[in-house]
Amino acid sequence: MSISTLLLILLILVLIGAFPAWPYSQSWGYYPSGGVGLLLIILIILILTGRL
């Protein structure tokens, strides 16, 4: 398995975990999805620059 495959699987798991579907996570606001968005932007930049 390559590192990009592992990062893709990890990103999908984090996206599922950031989805505010559970009652206790309603007060979290945009923090989980904002962090996932930041990770996604960093990952896209690394792919476009050829470092990943």
C-alpha atoms as a PDB file:
ATOM      1  CA  MET A   1       0.000   0.000   0.000  1.00  0.00           C
ATOM      2  CA  SER A   2       1.365   3.399  -0.890  1.00  0.00           C
ATOM      3  CA  ILE A   3       1.337   6.452   1.347  1.00  0.00           C
ATOM      4  CA  SER A   4      -1.246   8.228  -0.809  1.00  0.00           C
ATOM      5  CA  THR A   5      -3.668   5.298  -0.438  1.00  0.00           C
ATOM      6  CA  LEU A   6      -3.251   5.381   3.320  1.00  0.00           C
ATOM      7  CA  LEU A   7      -3.803   9.137   3.406  1.00  0.00           C
ATOM      8  CA  LEU A   8      -6.952   8.787   1.302  1.00  0.00           C
ATOM      9  CA  ILE A   9      -8.368   6.140   3.644  1.00  0.00           C
ATOM     10  CA  LEU A  10      -7.495   8.283   6.665  1.00  0.00           C
ATOM     11  CA  LEU A  11      -9.119  11.344   5.096  1.00  0.00           C
ATOM     12  CA  ILE A  12     -12.333   9.426   4.409  1.00  0.00           C
ATOM     13  CA  LEU A  13     -12.451   8.193   8.007  1.00  0.00           C
ATOM     14  CA  VAL A  14     -11.899  11.714   9.342  1.00  0.00           C
ATOM     15  CA  LEU A  15     -14.667  13.057   7.077  1.00  0.00           C
ATOM     16  CA  ILE A  16     -17.078  10.471   8.437  1.00  0.00           C
ATOM     17  CA  GLY A  17     -16.036  11.274  12.002  1.00  0.00           C
ATOM     18  CA  ALA A  18     -16.476  15.033  11.501  1.00  0.00           C
ATOM     19  CA  PHE A  19     -20.064  14.668  10.301  1.00  0.00           C
ATOM     20  CA  PRO A  20     -22.261  16.063  13.125  1.00  0.00           C
ATOM     21  CA  ALA A  21     -24.883  13.319  13.115  1.00  0.00           C
ATOM     22  CA  TRP A  22     -24.792  12.417  16.797  1.00  0.00           C
ATOM     23  CA  PRO A  23     -26.614  14.423  19.492  1.00  0.00           C
ATOM     24  CA  TYR A  24     -23.497  15.121  21.569  1.00  0.00           C
ATOM     25  CA  SER A  25     -21.681  16.681  18.594  1.00  0.00           C
ATOM     26  CA  GLN A  26     -24.230  19.406  17.820  1.00  0.00           C
ATOM     27  CA  SER A  27     -22.428  21.977  19.970  1.00  0.00           C
ATOM     28  CA  TRP A  28     -19.079  21.464  18.214  1.00  0.00           C
ATOM     29  CA  GLY A  29     -19.908  23.917  15.444  1.00  0.00           C
ATOM     30  CA  TYR A  30     -17.603  24.112  12.420  1.00  0.00           C
ATOM     31  CA  TYR A  31     -14.413  23.032  14.195  1.00  0.00           C
ATOM     32  CA  PRO A  32     -14.260  19.375  13.011  1.00  0.00           C
ATOM     33  CA  SER A  33     -15.174  20.125   9.400  1.00  0.00           C
ATOM     34  CA  GLY A  34     -12.851  23.155   9.355  1.00  0.00           C
ATOM     35  CA  GLY A  35      -9.946  20.965  10.434  1.00  0.00           C
ATOM     36  CA  VAL A  36     -10.800  18.392   7.788  1.00  0.00           C
ATOM     37  CA  GLY A  37     -10.959  21.142   5.174  1.00  0.00           C
ATOM     38  CA  LEU A  38      -7.541  22.387   6.196  1.00  0.00           C
ATOM     39  CA  LEU A  39      -6.098  18.868   5.936  1.00  0.00           C
ATOM     40  CA  LEU A  40      -7.717  18.464   2.527  1.00  0.00           C
ATOM     41  CA  ILE A  41      -6.201  21.727   1.261  1.00  0.00           C
ATOM     42  CA  ILE A  42      -2.742  20.708   2.497  1.00  0.00           C
ATOM     43  CA  LEU A  43      -3.105  17.297   0.856  1.00  0.00           C
ATOM     44  CA  ILE A  44      -4.154  18.843  -2.471  1.00  0.00           C
ATOM     45  CA  ILE A  45      -1.206  21.248  -2.387  1.00  0.00           C
ATOM     46  CA  LEU A  46       1.205  18.374  -1.696  1.00  0.00           C
ATOM     47  CA  ILE A  47      -0.227  16.356  -4.588  1.00  0.00           C
ATOM     48  CA  LEU A  48      -0.060  19.292  -7.002  1.00  0.00           C
ATOM     49  CA  THR A  49       3.534  20.125  -6.101  1.00  0.00           C
ATOM     50  CA  GLY A  50       4.555  16.489  -6.553  1.00  0.00           C
ATOM     51  CA  ARG A  51       5.772  15.916  -3.009  1.00  0.00           C
ATOM     52  CA  LEU A  52       3.291  13.151  -2.375  1.00  0.00           C
END
